[in-house]
Amino acid sequence: MRAREGKHSLDLHGVSHEEAGDIVHQFVNAHWHANVELHIITGHSARMKSIVRSVLKCYDLEVFEGDPRNSGYIRVQTWQE
């Protein structure tokens, strides 16, 4: 897991599927109420994306699949519109 300076992103490359859920919970909790967009970098692993989406469901947040050029991350909106 690597943190990026100045960005609210979590890179899950190199993290096992077994550890991913706990790490995502910690990341979201650390940025709860921050009113920022979070990026969770999953790579293209369908299983990792599924684990991350399962965790994010607990928080009832807006979740989006990367962008048209890069689907290897999940964007999370931490504010409600």
Protein backbone atom coordinates (compact mmCIF):
# COMPACT_ATOMS: atom_id res chain seq x y z
CA MET A 1 0.00 0.00 0.00
CA ARG A 2 1.38 3.39 -0.97
CA ALA A 3 0.08 6.79 0.07
CA ARG A 4 0.45 9.73 -2.29
CA GLU A 5 1.37 13.15 -0.96
CA GLY A 6 -1.28 15.81 -1.52
CA LYS A 7 -3.84 13.39 -2.87
CA HIS A 8 -6.50 11.37 -1.17
CA SER A 9 -5.67 8.10 -2.85
CA LEU A 10 -5.01 4.56 -1.77
CA ASP A 11 -2.95 2.26 -3.99
CA LEU A 12 -3.82 -1.39 -3.42
CA HIS A 13 -1.14 -2.78 -5.75
CA GLY A 14 0.75 -5.42 -3.79
CA VAL A 15 -1.97 -5.74 -1.12
CA SER A 16 -3.49 -9.20 -0.71
CA HIS A 17 -7.20 -9.70 -1.22
CA GLU A 18 -7.43 -10.83 2.41
CA GLU A 19 -5.99 -7.52 3.70
CA ALA A 20 -7.76 -5.21 1.27
CA GLY A 21 -11.10 -4.92 3.07
CA ASP A 22 -9.56 -3.76 6.36
CA ILE A 23 -7.25 -1.33 4.60
CA VAL A 24 -10.13 0.24 2.65
CA HIS A 25 -12.19 0.59 5.86
CA GLN A 26 -9.25 2.39 7.53
CA PHE A 27 -8.77 4.67 4.53
CA VAL A 28 -12.44 5.66 4.29
CA ASN A 29 -12.71 6.19 8.04
CA ALA A 30 -9.63 8.44 7.98
CA HIS A 31 -11.28 10.64 5.34
CA TRP A 32 -14.88 10.46 6.54
CA HIS A 33 -16.48 13.94 6.53
CA ALA A 34 -13.49 15.38 4.67
CA ASN A 35 -15.70 16.39 1.72
CA VAL A 36 -13.12 15.16 -0.77
CA GLU A 37 -13.01 12.74 -3.65
CA LEU A 38 -11.08 9.59 -2.82
CA HIS A 39 -9.31 7.42 -5.37
CA ILE A 40 -8.81 3.76 -4.57
CA ILE A 41 -6.40 2.24 -7.05
CA THR A 42 -7.37 -1.38 -7.62
CA GLY A 43 -5.65 -2.18 -10.87
CA HIS A 44 -7.79 -4.23 -13.23
CA SER A 45 -8.44 -7.12 -10.83
CA ALA A 46 -12.17 -7.89 -10.83
CA ARG A 47 -11.83 -9.54 -7.43
CA MET A 48 -10.11 -6.50 -5.87
CA LYS A 49 -12.75 -4.18 -7.31
CA SER A 50 -15.46 -6.42 -5.87
CA ILE A 51 -13.86 -6.36 -2.42
CA VAL A 52 -13.54 -2.56 -2.50
CA ARG A 53 -17.13 -2.06 -3.69
CA SER A 54 -18.38 -4.41 -0.97
CA VAL A 55 -16.65 -2.32 1.71
CA LEU A 56 -17.86 0.97 0.22
CA LYS A 57 -21.47 -0.26 0.26
CA CYS A 58 -21.31 -0.08 4.08
CA TYR A 59 -20.80 3.69 3.88
CA ASP A 60 -23.58 4.59 1.42
CA LEU A 61 -21.26 6.81 -0.64
CA GLU A 62 -21.31 7.73 -4.32
CA VAL A 63 -18.95 5.36 -6.12
CA PHE A 64 -17.73 5.66 -9.73
CA GLU A 65 -15.57 3.46 -11.94
CA GLY A 66 -12.36 5.40 -12.71
CA ASP A 67 -12.59 7.36 -15.92
CA PRO A 68 -12.90 6.49 -19.63
CA ARG A 69 -9.13 6.24 -20.10
CA ASN A 70 -8.36 4.37 -16.87
CA SER A 71 -10.73 1.91 -15.24
CA GLY A 72 -8.08 0.70 -12.77
CA TYR A 73 -9.37 2.78 -9.89
CA ILE A 74 -12.59 3.62 -8.09
CA ARG A 75 -13.61 7.20 -7.30
CA VAL A 76 -15.50 7.81 -4.09
CA GLN A 77 -17.42 10.97 -3.26
CA THR A 78 -17.42 11.56 0.52
CA TRP A 79 -20.13 14.21 0.51
CA GLN A 80 -23.85 13.96 -0.09
CA GLU A 81 -25.48 16.20 -2.69
